[in-house]
Structure formats: C-alpha cells, structure tokens
C-alpha cells in the first residue's frame, strides 16, 4: 500500500489555500529536500517522506495558536489510513520535534530521520525562498516590514517565541540567521551555507536602502 500517496492527497487538500508561506508547495519542497538529504545521509526513506508531508499539519502558526499539536493531528491522519503502529510512533516523534522553539531552546535530540526532516524544513526557511516566505507570513499577520524602534528579542521558551509579534526584519535575527548553526547533516550544512550568505547580503542591502547609505 502506498501510504505516502494517500497522505499527500490529504495534506495537499489541507494546505491548498494557505496564504502564509506554509502552503502545499512548502510541504512539497521540504519533502523533496528531505529525500535529497536521505540519499546522502541514509535513514528510513518512508518515515522521512511521511514525516515531511505531515510536519506542519497542525503548526501553532496555522491552527490558532495551539502549541505542540502536530503529533496529535498526524496520529489522527495515520490511524485513518491504517498506518502501522510501530512506524506511526516514529513519525509522531519527528513531527513533534521539527519546529524551532526559540533561540533559548535547545533542539530535541533524536533519530537520523528527525535530523533530516528538521534540516529540510529549516533549509526552506532560509535563502531566497525563506526571505519570500518571511514577508508573506509577516504580511498575513499584519506585521510591519521593519520598525527600528522595536528591539531584538531572543526568546527563552516556545510560548514566548510563538506569541512574539515583532516586525519581519527582526525575525531574521531572532530565528532565520540562527538556523545555519543548527543544521545537523553534512548535506544540509553545505546547502545552508549559501542560503545563509544570501540572507546576510539581503539584510545588508535592505538596511543600506532604509538608511540611505549611498
């Protein structure tokens, strides 16, 4: 039975109208990146693909603010298609640990499958696509592009991070620029290096333009 195809259909429908940068194309990119990393790093390909497809199924940014709900929602879907219990537990452990939970929170240690899916998700949050997604989400939440009077905040816990309402430029410093150092796999670190530098260049140009540094 092709469980991945069944889950893809469910997830694609669920995210079809998302305007926040967490749409079906994001899910598909994360799935494809995770499979690319798996080719080099190993791990269970099926578990990686299914966890990648489900990694945002009930993210707090999309579900009205309920924290740590991906595992519950994923289990509901996996049970509906009779996915094997022993594999289900592995998927749930991954989707519950993928999200960035604040600068002051250490990442949960886990399997190579977790590292791969988490790295794939973080790679989609940086670089050119990451920049586009950041502003799409900020616009959806009615956040300013930039407000110099609002200081950076390095959040100490998930609740503090999830409830932050800062402007989009701060989001780069509070999260996106921190992700390169948190990538676990060799493959992801190589890809992340270029994407990180692109963001640094973007921010340099943005602040030059904002401050008329010509």
N, C-alpha and C. Protein backbone atom coordinates (compact mmCIF):
# COMPACT_ATOMS: atom_id res chain seq x y z
N UNK A 1 0.85 -1.21 0.00
CA UNK A 1 0.00 0.00 0.00
C UNK A 1 0.87 1.24 0.00
N UNK A 2 0.53 2.20 -0.86
CA UNK A 2 1.32 3.42 -0.95
C UNK A 2 0.76 4.47 0.03
N UNK A 3 1.26 4.41 1.27
CA UNK A 3 0.79 5.34 2.29
C UNK A 3 1.16 6.78 1.96
N UNK A 4 2.34 6.99 1.37
CA UNK A 4 2.78 8.34 1.06
C UNK A 4 1.82 9.06 0.12
N UNK A 5 1.31 8.33 -0.88
CA UNK A 5 0.37 8.93 -1.83
C UNK A 5 -0.94 9.31 -1.15
N UNK A 6 -1.40 8.44 -0.24
CA UNK A 6 -2.64 8.75 0.48
C UNK A 6 -2.47 10.00 1.33
N UNK A 7 -1.34 10.07 2.03
CA UNK A 7 -1.09 11.22 2.89
C UNK A 7 -0.89 12.48 2.05
N UNK A 8 -0.21 12.35 0.93
CA UNK A 8 -0.01 13.50 0.05
C UNK A 8 -1.35 14.10 -0.36
N UNK A 9 -2.31 13.27 -0.71
CA UNK A 9 -3.64 13.76 -1.11
C UNK A 9 -4.30 14.53 0.01
N UNK A 10 -4.23 13.98 1.23
CA UNK A 10 -4.84 14.64 2.39
C UNK A 10 -4.17 15.98 2.68
N UNK A 11 -2.85 15.97 2.68
CA UNK A 11 -2.09 17.18 3.02
C UNK A 11 -2.22 18.24 1.94
N UNK A 12 -2.20 17.83 0.70
CA UNK A 12 -2.33 18.79 -0.40
C UNK A 12 -3.66 19.52 -0.32
N UNK A 13 -4.72 18.81 0.00
CA UNK A 13 -6.03 19.43 0.14
C UNK A 13 -6.06 20.36 1.36
N UNK A 14 -5.43 19.94 2.45
CA UNK A 14 -5.42 20.72 3.69
C UNK A 14 -4.74 22.07 3.50
N UNK A 15 -3.68 22.11 2.70
CA UNK A 15 -2.88 23.33 2.55
C UNK A 15 -3.13 24.07 1.23
N UNK A 16 -4.18 23.70 0.53
CA UNK A 16 -4.38 24.24 -0.82
C UNK A 16 -4.57 25.76 -0.85
N UNK A 17 -5.17 26.33 0.19
CA UNK A 17 -5.48 27.77 0.19
C UNK A 17 -4.62 28.56 1.17
N UNK A 18 -3.53 28.00 1.65
CA UNK A 18 -2.72 28.70 2.66
C UNK A 18 -2.02 29.92 2.05
N UNK A 19 -2.15 31.10 2.71
CA UNK A 19 -1.51 32.32 2.21
C UNK A 19 -0.26 32.73 2.99
N UNK A 20 0.21 31.88 3.90
CA UNK A 20 1.22 32.29 4.87
C UNK A 20 2.65 31.89 4.52
N UNK A 21 2.83 31.19 3.39
CA UNK A 21 4.16 30.64 3.09
C UNK A 21 4.32 29.22 3.61
N UNK A 22 3.25 28.66 4.19
CA UNK A 22 3.25 27.28 4.66
C UNK A 22 2.29 26.45 3.81
N UNK A 23 2.23 26.77 2.53
CA UNK A 23 1.29 26.14 1.61
C UNK A 23 1.80 24.77 1.15
N UNK A 24 1.04 24.15 0.23
CA UNK A 24 1.41 22.84 -0.27
C UNK A 24 2.80 22.86 -0.92
N UNK A 25 3.16 23.94 -1.59
CA UNK A 25 4.46 23.99 -2.25
C UNK A 25 5.59 23.94 -1.22
N UNK A 26 5.39 24.58 -0.06
CA UNK A 26 6.38 24.47 1.03
C UNK A 26 6.50 23.02 1.47
N UNK A 27 5.37 22.36 1.72
CA UNK A 27 5.39 20.96 2.15
C UNK A 27 6.11 20.09 1.12
N UNK A 28 5.81 20.31 -0.14
CA UNK A 28 6.42 19.50 -1.20
C UNK A 28 7.92 19.77 -1.31
N UNK A 29 8.32 21.03 -1.15
CA UNK A 29 9.76 21.33 -1.19
C UNK A 29 10.49 20.65 -0.03
N UNK A 30 9.88 20.69 1.16
CA UNK A 30 10.50 20.04 2.32
C UNK A 30 10.60 18.54 2.10
N UNK A 31 9.55 17.94 1.56
CA UNK A 31 9.58 16.51 1.24
C UNK A 31 10.71 16.19 0.26
N UNK A 32 10.80 16.97 -0.81
CA UNK A 32 11.83 16.70 -1.82
C UNK A 32 13.24 16.95 -1.29
N UNK A 33 13.41 18.00 -0.47
CA UNK A 33 14.71 18.25 0.13
C UNK A 33 15.09 17.14 1.10
N UNK A 34 14.12 16.68 1.88
CA UNK A 34 14.39 15.60 2.83
C UNK A 34 14.83 14.33 2.10
N UNK A 35 14.18 14.04 0.99
CA UNK A 35 14.56 12.85 0.22
C UNK A 35 15.94 13.01 -0.42
N UNK A 36 16.26 14.23 -0.83
CA UNK A 36 17.60 14.50 -1.37
C UNK A 36 18.66 14.28 -0.28
N UNK A 37 18.40 14.80 0.91
CA UNK A 37 19.36 14.61 2.01
C UNK A 37 19.47 13.13 2.36
N UNK A 38 18.34 12.43 2.35
CA UNK A 38 18.34 10.99 2.69
C UNK A 38 19.22 10.18 1.75
N UNK A 39 19.27 10.57 0.50
CA UNK A 39 20.12 9.85 -0.46
C UNK A 39 21.58 9.86 -0.03
N UNK A 40 22.00 10.93 0.64
CA UNK A 40 23.40 11.06 1.08
C UNK A 40 23.62 10.61 2.51
N UNK A 41 22.60 10.75 3.35
CA UNK A 41 22.78 10.54 4.79
C UNK A 41 22.19 9.24 5.30
N UNK A 42 21.32 8.60 4.52
CA UNK A 42 20.70 7.37 4.98
C UNK A 42 19.41 7.63 5.73
N UNK A 43 18.95 6.64 6.50
CA UNK A 43 17.69 6.76 7.21
C UNK A 43 16.56 6.07 6.46
N UNK A 44 15.44 5.90 7.14
CA UNK A 44 14.28 5.22 6.57
C UNK A 44 13.54 6.17 5.64
N UNK A 45 13.57 5.87 4.37
CA UNK A 45 13.02 6.78 3.36
C UNK A 45 11.52 7.00 3.54
N UNK A 46 10.78 5.94 3.85
CA UNK A 46 9.33 6.08 4.01
C UNK A 46 8.98 6.95 5.21
N UNK A 47 9.64 6.71 6.33
CA UNK A 47 9.39 7.50 7.53
C UNK A 47 9.72 8.96 7.27
N UNK A 48 10.83 9.22 6.60
CA UNK A 48 11.24 10.59 6.28
C UNK A 48 10.22 11.28 5.40
N UNK A 49 9.76 10.60 4.36
CA UNK A 49 8.80 11.23 3.44
C UNK A 49 7.47 11.53 4.15
N UNK A 50 6.97 10.60 4.91
CA UNK A 50 5.68 10.80 5.57
C UNK A 50 5.78 11.88 6.64
N UNK A 51 6.86 11.87 7.41
CA UNK A 51 7.04 12.92 8.43
C UNK A 51 7.17 14.29 7.78
N UNK A 52 7.87 14.37 6.64
CA UNK A 52 8.00 15.65 5.93
C UNK A 52 6.62 16.13 5.45
N UNK A 53 5.80 15.23 4.97
CA UNK A 53 4.47 15.61 4.50
C UNK A 53 3.58 16.11 5.64
N UNK A 54 3.80 15.59 6.84
CA UNK A 54 2.93 15.92 7.97
C UNK A 54 3.52 16.96 8.93
N UNK A 55 4.71 17.47 8.63
CA UNK A 55 5.44 18.24 9.64
C UNK A 55 4.75 19.55 10.05
N UNK A 56 3.85 20.08 9.22
CA UNK A 56 3.15 21.34 9.54
C UNK A 56 1.64 21.13 9.68
N UNK A 57 1.20 19.90 9.83
CA UNK A 57 -0.23 19.61 9.72
C UNK A 57 -1.07 20.37 10.75
N UNK A 58 -0.50 20.65 11.93
CA UNK A 58 -1.20 21.48 12.92
C UNK A 58 -0.19 22.37 13.64
N UNK A 59 0.57 23.12 12.85
CA UNK A 59 1.55 24.04 13.41
C UNK A 59 0.83 25.19 14.13
N UNK A 60 1.45 25.67 15.22
CA UNK A 60 0.80 26.72 16.01
C UNK A 60 0.54 28.00 15.21
N UNK A 61 1.37 28.24 14.17
CA UNK A 61 1.20 29.45 13.36
C UNK A 61 -0.05 29.36 12.49
N UNK A 62 -0.59 28.15 12.33
CA UNK A 62 -1.68 27.92 11.39
C UNK A 62 -2.96 27.43 12.05
N UNK A 63 -2.88 26.98 13.30
CA UNK A 63 -4.04 26.35 13.93
C UNK A 63 -4.71 27.21 15.00
N UNK A 64 -4.36 28.50 15.03
CA UNK A 64 -4.95 29.38 16.02
C UNK A 64 -4.15 29.51 17.29
N UNK A 65 -2.92 28.98 17.29
CA UNK A 65 -2.04 29.17 18.43
C UNK A 65 -1.89 27.99 19.37
N UNK A 66 -2.44 26.83 19.00
CA UNK A 66 -2.29 25.63 19.83
C UNK A 66 -0.87 25.10 19.66
N UNK A 67 -0.11 24.99 20.75
CA UNK A 67 1.28 24.55 20.68
C UNK A 67 1.38 23.03 20.71
N UNK A 68 2.42 22.51 20.06
CA UNK A 68 2.77 21.09 20.13
C UNK A 68 1.61 20.18 19.74
N UNK A 69 0.96 20.49 18.63
CA UNK A 69 -0.23 19.72 18.21
C UNK A 69 0.00 18.85 16.99
N UNK A 70 1.20 18.93 16.39
CA UNK A 70 1.46 18.16 15.17
C UNK A 70 1.32 16.65 15.38
N UNK A 71 1.82 16.16 16.51
CA UNK A 71 1.77 14.72 16.77
C UNK A 71 0.35 14.21 16.85
N UNK A 72 -0.50 14.93 17.58
CA UNK A 72 -1.91 14.52 17.71
C UNK A 72 -2.60 14.49 16.35
N UNK A 73 -2.43 15.56 15.58
CA UNK A 73 -3.09 15.65 14.28
C UNK A 73 -2.54 14.61 13.31
N UNK A 74 -1.24 14.36 13.37
CA UNK A 74 -0.64 13.35 12.49
C UNK A 74 -1.16 11.95 12.83
N UNK A 75 -1.26 11.67 14.12
CA UNK A 75 -1.77 10.36 14.54
C UNK A 75 -3.18 10.13 14.03
N UNK A 76 -3.99 11.15 14.06
CA UNK A 76 -5.37 11.05 13.58
C UNK A 76 -5.39 10.67 12.11
N UNK A 77 -4.55 11.32 11.32
CA UNK A 77 -4.49 11.02 9.89
C UNK A 77 -3.93 9.62 9.64
N UNK A 78 -2.86 9.28 10.34
CA UNK A 78 -2.21 7.98 10.13
C UNK A 78 -3.13 6.83 10.54
N UNK A 79 -3.88 7.02 11.59
CA UNK A 79 -4.84 5.98 12.00
C UNK A 79 -5.95 5.82 10.98
N UNK A 80 -6.32 6.91 10.33
CA UNK A 80 -7.42 6.85 9.36
C UNK A 80 -7.06 6.05 8.11
N UNK A 81 -5.76 5.88 7.86
CA UNK A 81 -5.33 5.10 6.69
C UNK A 81 -4.69 3.78 7.12
N UNK A 82 -4.86 3.43 8.41
CA UNK A 82 -4.35 2.16 8.95
C UNK A 82 -2.84 2.03 8.81
N UNK A 83 -2.13 3.11 9.10
CA UNK A 83 -0.66 3.07 9.06
C UNK A 83 -0.16 2.24 10.25
N UNK A 84 0.85 1.41 10.04
CA UNK A 84 1.33 0.52 11.12
C UNK A 84 1.76 1.29 12.37
N UNK A 85 1.36 0.77 13.54
CA UNK A 85 1.60 1.47 14.81
C UNK A 85 3.07 1.75 15.08
N UNK A 86 3.94 0.75 14.81
CA UNK A 86 5.35 0.93 15.14
C UNK A 86 5.99 2.04 14.28
N UNK A 87 5.53 2.19 13.05
CA UNK A 87 6.02 3.26 12.19
C UNK A 87 5.38 4.60 12.58
N UNK A 88 4.12 4.54 12.97
CA UNK A 88 3.40 5.75 13.37
C UNK A 88 4.11 6.46 14.51
N UNK A 89 4.58 5.71 15.49
CA UNK A 89 5.26 6.31 16.64
C UNK A 89 6.53 7.04 16.21
N UNK A 90 7.23 6.50 15.22
CA UNK A 90 8.44 7.15 14.71
C UNK A 90 8.11 8.47 14.01
N UNK A 91 7.03 8.46 13.23
CA UNK A 91 6.61 9.69 12.54
C UNK A 91 6.19 10.75 13.56
N UNK A 92 5.42 10.35 14.55
CA UNK A 92 4.94 11.30 15.57
C UNK A 92 6.12 11.92 16.32
N UNK A 93 7.12 11.11 16.65
CA UNK A 93 8.29 11.62 17.36
C UNK A 93 9.01 12.69 16.53
N UNK A 94 8.98 12.55 15.22
CA UNK A 94 9.63 13.53 14.34
C UNK A 94 8.82 14.81 14.26
N UNK A 95 7.53 14.71 13.94
CA UNK A 95 6.74 15.92 13.71
C UNK A 95 6.58 16.74 14.99
N UNK A 96 6.69 16.11 16.13
CA UNK A 96 6.61 16.85 17.39
C UNK A 96 7.89 17.62 17.70
N UNK A 97 8.98 17.30 16.99
CA UNK A 97 10.28 17.89 17.34
C UNK A 97 10.88 18.74 16.23
N UNK A 98 10.19 18.92 15.12
CA UNK A 98 10.74 19.63 13.98
C UNK A 98 10.84 21.13 14.23
N UNK A 99 9.81 21.73 14.83
CA UNK A 99 9.70 23.19 14.89
C UNK A 99 10.80 23.84 15.73
N UNK A 100 11.23 25.00 15.27
CA UNK A 100 12.09 25.90 16.04
C UNK A 100 11.25 26.46 17.19
N UNK A 101 11.79 26.41 18.40
CA UNK A 101 11.00 26.79 19.58
C UNK A 101 11.59 27.98 20.33
N UNK A 102 12.47 28.72 19.68
CA UNK A 102 13.05 29.90 20.30
C UNK A 102 14.56 29.78 20.43
N UNK A 103 15.23 30.93 20.39
CA UNK A 103 16.70 30.94 20.43
C UNK A 103 17.25 30.30 21.70
N UNK A 104 16.50 30.41 22.81
CA UNK A 104 16.96 29.88 24.07
C UNK A 104 16.62 28.42 24.31
N UNK A 105 15.96 27.79 23.33
CA UNK A 105 15.55 26.40 23.47
C UNK A 105 16.44 25.49 22.62
N UNK A 106 17.03 24.49 23.26
CA UNK A 106 17.84 23.51 22.52
C UNK A 106 16.94 22.61 21.70
N UNK A 107 17.43 22.17 20.55
CA UNK A 107 16.68 21.21 19.74
C UNK A 107 16.64 19.85 20.43
N UNK A 108 15.52 19.17 20.29
CA UNK A 108 15.38 17.82 20.82
C UNK A 108 16.28 16.87 20.02
N UNK A 109 17.02 16.04 20.72
CA UNK A 109 17.84 15.03 20.06
C UNK A 109 16.95 13.86 19.62
N UNK A 110 17.32 13.23 18.52
CA UNK A 110 16.51 12.10 18.06
C UNK A 110 17.20 11.33 16.96
N UNK A 111 16.41 10.74 16.12
CA UNK A 111 16.89 9.84 15.07
C UNK A 111 17.49 10.61 13.89
N UNK A 112 18.16 9.88 13.01
CA UNK A 112 18.66 10.49 11.78
C UNK A 112 17.49 10.98 10.94
N UNK A 113 16.36 10.29 11.02
CA UNK A 113 15.17 10.72 10.28
C UNK A 113 14.69 12.09 10.77
N UNK A 114 14.71 12.30 12.09
CA UNK A 114 14.36 13.61 12.63
C UNK A 114 15.31 14.68 12.13
N UNK A 115 16.61 14.42 12.20
CA UNK A 115 17.59 15.41 11.75
C UNK A 115 17.36 15.79 10.29
N UNK A 116 17.05 14.80 9.47
CA UNK A 116 16.86 15.06 8.03
C UNK A 116 15.62 15.91 7.78
N UNK A 117 14.50 15.55 8.39
CA UNK A 117 13.26 16.31 8.17
C UNK A 117 13.39 17.72 8.74
N UNK A 118 13.99 17.84 9.91
CA UNK A 118 14.17 19.16 10.52
C UNK A 118 15.11 20.02 9.68
N UNK A 119 16.19 19.43 9.18
CA UNK A 119 17.11 20.18 8.31
C UNK A 119 16.41 20.63 7.04
N UNK A 120 15.60 19.75 6.44
CA UNK A 120 14.90 20.11 5.21
C UNK A 120 13.94 21.27 5.43
N UNK A 121 13.22 21.24 6.55
CA UNK A 121 12.29 22.32 6.88
C UNK A 121 13.04 23.63 7.10
N UNK A 122 14.18 23.56 7.77
CA UNK A 122 14.95 24.78 8.06
C UNK A 122 15.60 25.34 6.81
N UNK A 123 16.00 24.48 5.91
CA UNK A 123 16.56 24.99 4.64
C UNK A 123 15.51 25.76 3.86
N UNK A 124 14.24 25.37 3.97
CA UNK A 124 13.20 26.10 3.25
C UNK A 124 12.86 27.42 3.92
N UNK A 125 13.37 27.63 5.14
CA UNK A 125 13.13 28.89 5.86
C UNK A 125 14.23 29.90 5.63
N UNK A 126 15.30 29.52 4.91
CA UNK A 126 16.40 30.44 4.67
C UNK A 126 16.67 30.57 3.17
N UNK A 127 17.55 31.49 2.80
CA UNK A 127 17.81 31.72 1.39
C UNK A 127 16.71 32.54 0.73
N UNK A 128 16.66 32.50 -0.59
CA UNK A 128 15.71 33.33 -1.35
C UNK A 128 14.27 32.98 -1.03
N UNK A 129 13.96 31.68 -0.98
CA UNK A 129 12.59 31.27 -0.68
C UNK A 129 12.26 31.61 0.77
N UNK A 130 13.20 31.45 1.66
CA UNK A 130 12.98 31.80 3.06
C UNK A 130 12.65 33.27 3.23
N UNK A 131 13.34 34.14 2.48
CA UNK A 131 13.05 35.57 2.53
C UNK A 131 11.62 35.84 2.06
N UNK A 132 11.25 35.23 0.93
CA UNK A 132 9.89 35.42 0.41
C UNK A 132 8.85 34.93 1.40
N UNK A 133 9.09 33.78 2.01
CA UNK A 133 8.14 33.21 2.97
C UNK A 133 8.01 34.10 4.22
N UNK A 134 9.13 34.66 4.66
CA UNK A 134 9.09 35.51 5.86
C UNK A 134 8.19 36.71 5.64
N UNK A 135 8.29 37.34 4.49
CA UNK A 135 7.47 38.52 4.23
C UNK A 135 6.02 38.14 3.92
N UNK A 136 5.81 36.98 3.33
CA UNK A 136 4.44 36.51 3.11
C UNK A 136 3.74 36.30 4.44
N UNK A 137 4.44 35.67 5.39
CA UNK A 137 3.85 35.42 6.71
C UNK A 137 3.64 36.73 7.48
N UNK A 138 4.64 37.60 7.42
CA UNK A 138 4.52 38.89 8.10
C UNK A 138 3.35 39.70 7.58
N UNK A 139 3.17 39.70 6.27
CA UNK A 139 2.04 40.42 5.68
C UNK A 139 0.71 39.81 6.11
N UNK A 140 0.65 38.49 6.13
CA UNK A 140 -0.58 37.81 6.55
C UNK A 140 -0.94 38.16 7.99
N UNK A 141 0.07 38.34 8.84
CA UNK A 141 -0.16 38.66 10.25
C UNK A 141 -0.20 40.17 10.51
N UNK A 142 -0.22 40.97 9.44
CA UNK A 142 -0.27 42.43 9.55
C UNK A 142 0.92 43.01 10.34
N UNK A 143 2.07 42.41 10.18
CA UNK A 143 3.26 42.90 10.86
C UNK A 143 3.99 43.90 9.98
N UNK A 144 4.62 44.91 10.57
CA UNK A 144 5.42 45.85 9.77
C UNK A 144 6.59 45.11 9.11
N UNK A 145 7.03 45.62 7.97
CA UNK A 145 8.25 45.10 7.36
C UNK A 145 9.43 45.35 8.30
N UNK A 146 9.50 46.58 8.82
CA UNK A 146 10.62 46.95 9.69
C UNK A 146 10.17 48.09 10.59
N UNK A 147 10.56 48.02 11.84
CA UNK A 147 10.29 49.10 12.78
C UNK A 147 11.53 49.25 13.67
N UNK A 148 12.40 50.21 13.35
CA UNK A 148 13.68 50.33 14.06
C UNK A 148 13.56 50.49 15.57
N UNK A 149 12.44 50.98 16.04
CA UNK A 149 12.29 51.21 17.49
C UNK A 149 12.05 49.92 18.27
N UNK A 150 11.73 48.83 17.58
CA UNK A 150 11.45 47.56 18.26
C UNK A 150 12.74 46.75 18.33
N UNK A 151 13.17 46.42 19.52
CA UNK A 151 14.44 45.73 19.73
C UNK A 151 14.33 44.23 19.45
N UNK A 152 15.47 43.62 19.20
CA UNK A 152 15.54 42.17 19.06
C UNK A 152 15.21 41.50 20.38
N UNK A 153 14.66 40.28 20.28
CA UNK A 153 14.36 39.50 21.48
C UNK A 153 14.70 38.04 21.20
N UNK A 154 15.61 37.48 21.98
CA UNK A 154 15.97 36.08 21.81
C UNK A 154 15.18 35.26 22.83
N UNK A 155 14.11 34.66 22.35
CA UNK A 155 13.09 34.05 23.20
C UNK A 155 13.63 32.83 23.94
N UNK A 156 13.27 32.76 25.22
CA UNK A 156 13.78 31.70 26.10
C UNK A 156 12.92 30.45 26.10
N UNK A 157 11.70 30.54 25.61
CA UNK A 157 10.85 29.35 25.59
C UNK A 157 9.90 29.42 24.40
N UNK A 158 9.24 28.29 24.13
CA UNK A 158 8.40 28.16 22.95
C UNK A 158 7.20 29.10 23.02
N UNK A 159 6.58 29.23 24.18
CA UNK A 159 5.41 30.09 24.31
C UNK A 159 5.76 31.54 24.03
N UNK A 160 6.90 31.99 24.53
CA UNK A 160 7.35 33.35 24.29
C UNK A 160 7.61 33.57 22.80
N UNK A 161 8.27 32.60 22.17
CA UNK A 161 8.55 32.71 20.74
C UNK A 161 7.27 32.70 19.92
N UNK A 162 6.35 31.79 20.25
CA UNK A 162 5.11 31.66 19.48
C UNK A 162 4.24 32.90 19.58
N UNK A 163 4.32 33.62 20.68
CA UNK A 163 3.49 34.79 20.89
C UNK A 163 4.16 36.10 20.48
N UNK A 164 5.34 36.01 19.92
CA UNK A 164 6.05 37.21 19.51
C UNK A 164 5.32 37.89 18.35
N UNK A 165 5.25 39.22 18.39
CA UNK A 165 4.60 39.95 17.31
C UNK A 165 5.51 40.98 16.68
N UNK A 166 6.79 40.71 16.67
CA UNK A 166 7.76 41.67 16.16
C UNK A 166 7.66 41.83 14.65
N UNK A 167 8.41 42.78 14.11
CA UNK A 167 8.40 43.02 12.67
C UNK A 167 9.22 41.96 11.94
N UNK A 168 9.07 41.91 10.61
CA UNK A 168 9.66 40.82 9.83
C UNK A 168 11.18 40.86 9.82
N UNK A 169 11.78 42.02 9.75
CA UNK A 169 13.25 42.08 9.74
C UNK A 169 13.81 41.49 11.04
N UNK A 170 13.17 41.76 12.16
CA UNK A 170 13.64 41.15 13.41
C UNK A 170 13.60 39.64 13.35
N UNK A 171 12.65 39.09 12.61
CA UNK A 171 12.51 37.62 12.52
C UNK A 171 13.78 36.99 11.93
N UNK A 172 14.45 37.70 11.07
CA UNK A 172 15.71 37.18 10.52
C UNK A 172 16.73 36.98 11.64
N UNK A 173 16.84 37.95 12.51
CA UNK A 173 17.84 37.89 13.57
C UNK A 173 17.42 36.98 14.72
N UNK A 174 16.10 36.91 14.97
CA UNK A 174 15.59 36.12 16.08
C UNK A 174 15.46 34.64 15.74
N UNK A 175 15.43 34.31 14.43
CA UNK A 175 15.31 32.91 14.03
C UNK A 175 16.15 32.54 12.81
N UNK A 176 15.88 33.18 11.67
CA UNK A 176 16.39 32.68 10.39
C UNK A 176 17.91 32.62 10.33
N UNK A 177 18.58 33.65 10.86
CA UNK A 177 20.05 33.64 10.83
C UNK A 177 20.65 32.66 11.84
N UNK A 178 19.83 32.13 12.73
CA UNK A 178 20.31 31.16 13.72
C UNK A 178 20.24 29.73 13.20
N UNK A 179 19.53 29.52 12.11
CA UNK A 179 19.26 28.15 11.67
C UNK A 179 20.48 27.45 11.09
N UNK A 180 21.37 28.18 10.44
CA UNK A 180 22.55 27.53 9.83
C UNK A 180 23.33 26.73 10.86
N UNK A 181 23.52 27.29 12.03
CA UNK A 181 24.32 26.61 13.06
C UNK A 181 23.59 25.43 13.68
N UNK A 182 22.30 25.30 13.40
CA UNK A 182 21.51 24.19 13.97
C UNK A 182 21.29 23.06 12.98
N UNK A 183 21.77 23.20 11.76
CA UNK A 183 21.64 22.11 10.79
C UNK A 183 22.54 20.96 11.21
N UNK A 184 22.02 19.73 11.14
CA UNK A 184 22.74 18.58 11.67
C UNK A 184 23.48 17.76 10.61
N UNK A 185 22.90 17.62 9.44
CA UNK A 185 23.50 16.73 8.44
C UNK A 185 24.52 17.48 7.59
N UNK A 186 25.51 16.75 7.13
CA UNK A 186 26.55 17.34 6.27
C UNK A 186 25.95 17.92 5.01
N UNK A 187 25.02 17.20 4.41
CA UNK A 187 24.38 17.67 3.17
C UNK A 187 23.67 19.00 3.38
N UNK A 188 22.90 19.10 4.46
CA UNK A 188 22.16 20.33 4.73
C UNK A 188 23.10 21.48 5.04
N UNK A 189 24.18 21.22 5.76
CA UNK A 189 25.11 22.30 6.10
C UNK A 189 25.75 22.89 4.84
N UNK A 190 26.04 22.06 3.86
CA UNK A 190 26.61 22.56 2.60
C UNK A 190 25.61 23.46 1.87
N UNK A 191 24.37 23.03 1.80
CA UNK A 191 23.33 23.83 1.13
C UNK A 191 23.05 25.10 1.94
N UNK A 192 23.01 24.96 3.25
CA UNK A 192 22.67 26.08 4.12
C UNK A 192 23.68 27.21 4.09
N UNK A 193 24.94 26.88 3.83
CA UNK A 193 26.00 27.90 3.80
C UNK A 193 25.67 28.98 2.77
N UNK A 194 25.32 28.56 1.57
CA UNK A 194 25.00 29.53 0.51
C UNK A 194 23.73 30.31 0.84
N UNK A 195 22.72 29.61 1.32
CA UNK A 195 21.45 30.27 1.61
C UNK A 195 21.62 31.30 2.73
N UNK A 196 22.42 30.97 3.72
CA UNK A 196 22.67 31.89 4.82
C UNK A 196 23.36 33.16 4.32
N UNK A 197 24.36 33.00 3.48
CA UNK A 197 25.08 34.16 2.95
C UNK A 197 24.15 35.06 2.13
N UNK A 198 23.23 34.44 1.39
CA UNK A 198 22.28 35.22 0.60
C UNK A 198 21.41 36.09 1.50
N UNK A 199 20.97 35.53 2.62
CA UNK A 199 20.17 36.33 3.56
C UNK A 199 20.98 37.47 4.15
N UNK A 200 22.24 37.22 4.48
CA UNK A 200 23.09 38.28 5.01
C UNK A 200 23.23 39.41 4.01
N UNK A 201 23.41 39.07 2.74
CA UNK A 201 23.52 40.08 1.70
C UNK A 201 22.21 40.86 1.55
N UNK A 202 21.10 40.15 1.60
CA UNK A 202 19.80 40.81 1.51
C UNK A 202 19.63 41.82 2.63
N UNK A 203 19.92 41.42 3.86
CA UNK A 203 19.76 42.32 5.01
C UNK A 203 20.68 43.53 4.91
N UNK A 204 21.89 43.31 4.42
CA UNK A 204 22.81 44.42 4.23
C UNK A 204 22.24 45.43 3.24
N UNK A 205 21.72 44.94 2.12
CA UNK A 205 21.14 45.83 1.11
C UNK A 205 19.88 46.50 1.63
N UNK A 206 19.05 45.75 2.35
CA UNK A 206 17.82 46.33 2.90
C UNK A 206 18.13 47.49 3.83
N UNK A 207 19.05 47.29 4.76
CA UNK A 207 19.37 48.33 5.73
C UNK A 207 20.09 49.51 5.08
N UNK A 208 20.89 49.24 4.05
CA UNK A 208 21.51 50.33 3.29
C UNK A 208 20.44 51.19 2.63
N UNK A 209 19.47 50.53 2.01
CA UNK A 209 18.39 51.27 1.34
C UNK A 209 17.55 52.02 2.37
N UNK A 210 17.26 51.40 3.48
CA UNK A 210 16.43 52.04 4.52
C UNK A 210 17.11 53.30 5.08
N UNK A 211 18.41 53.19 5.30
CA UNK A 211 19.14 54.29 5.93
C UNK A 211 19.82 55.22 4.92
N UNK A 212 19.55 55.01 3.62
CA UNK A 212 20.11 55.83 2.57
C UNK A 212 21.63 55.87 2.64
N UNK A 213 22.24 54.72 2.82
CA UNK A 213 23.70 54.61 2.89
C UNK A 213 24.27 54.46 1.48
N UNK A 214 24.40 55.61 0.79
CA UNK A 214 24.90 55.57 -0.59
C UNK A 214 26.15 56.43 -0.72
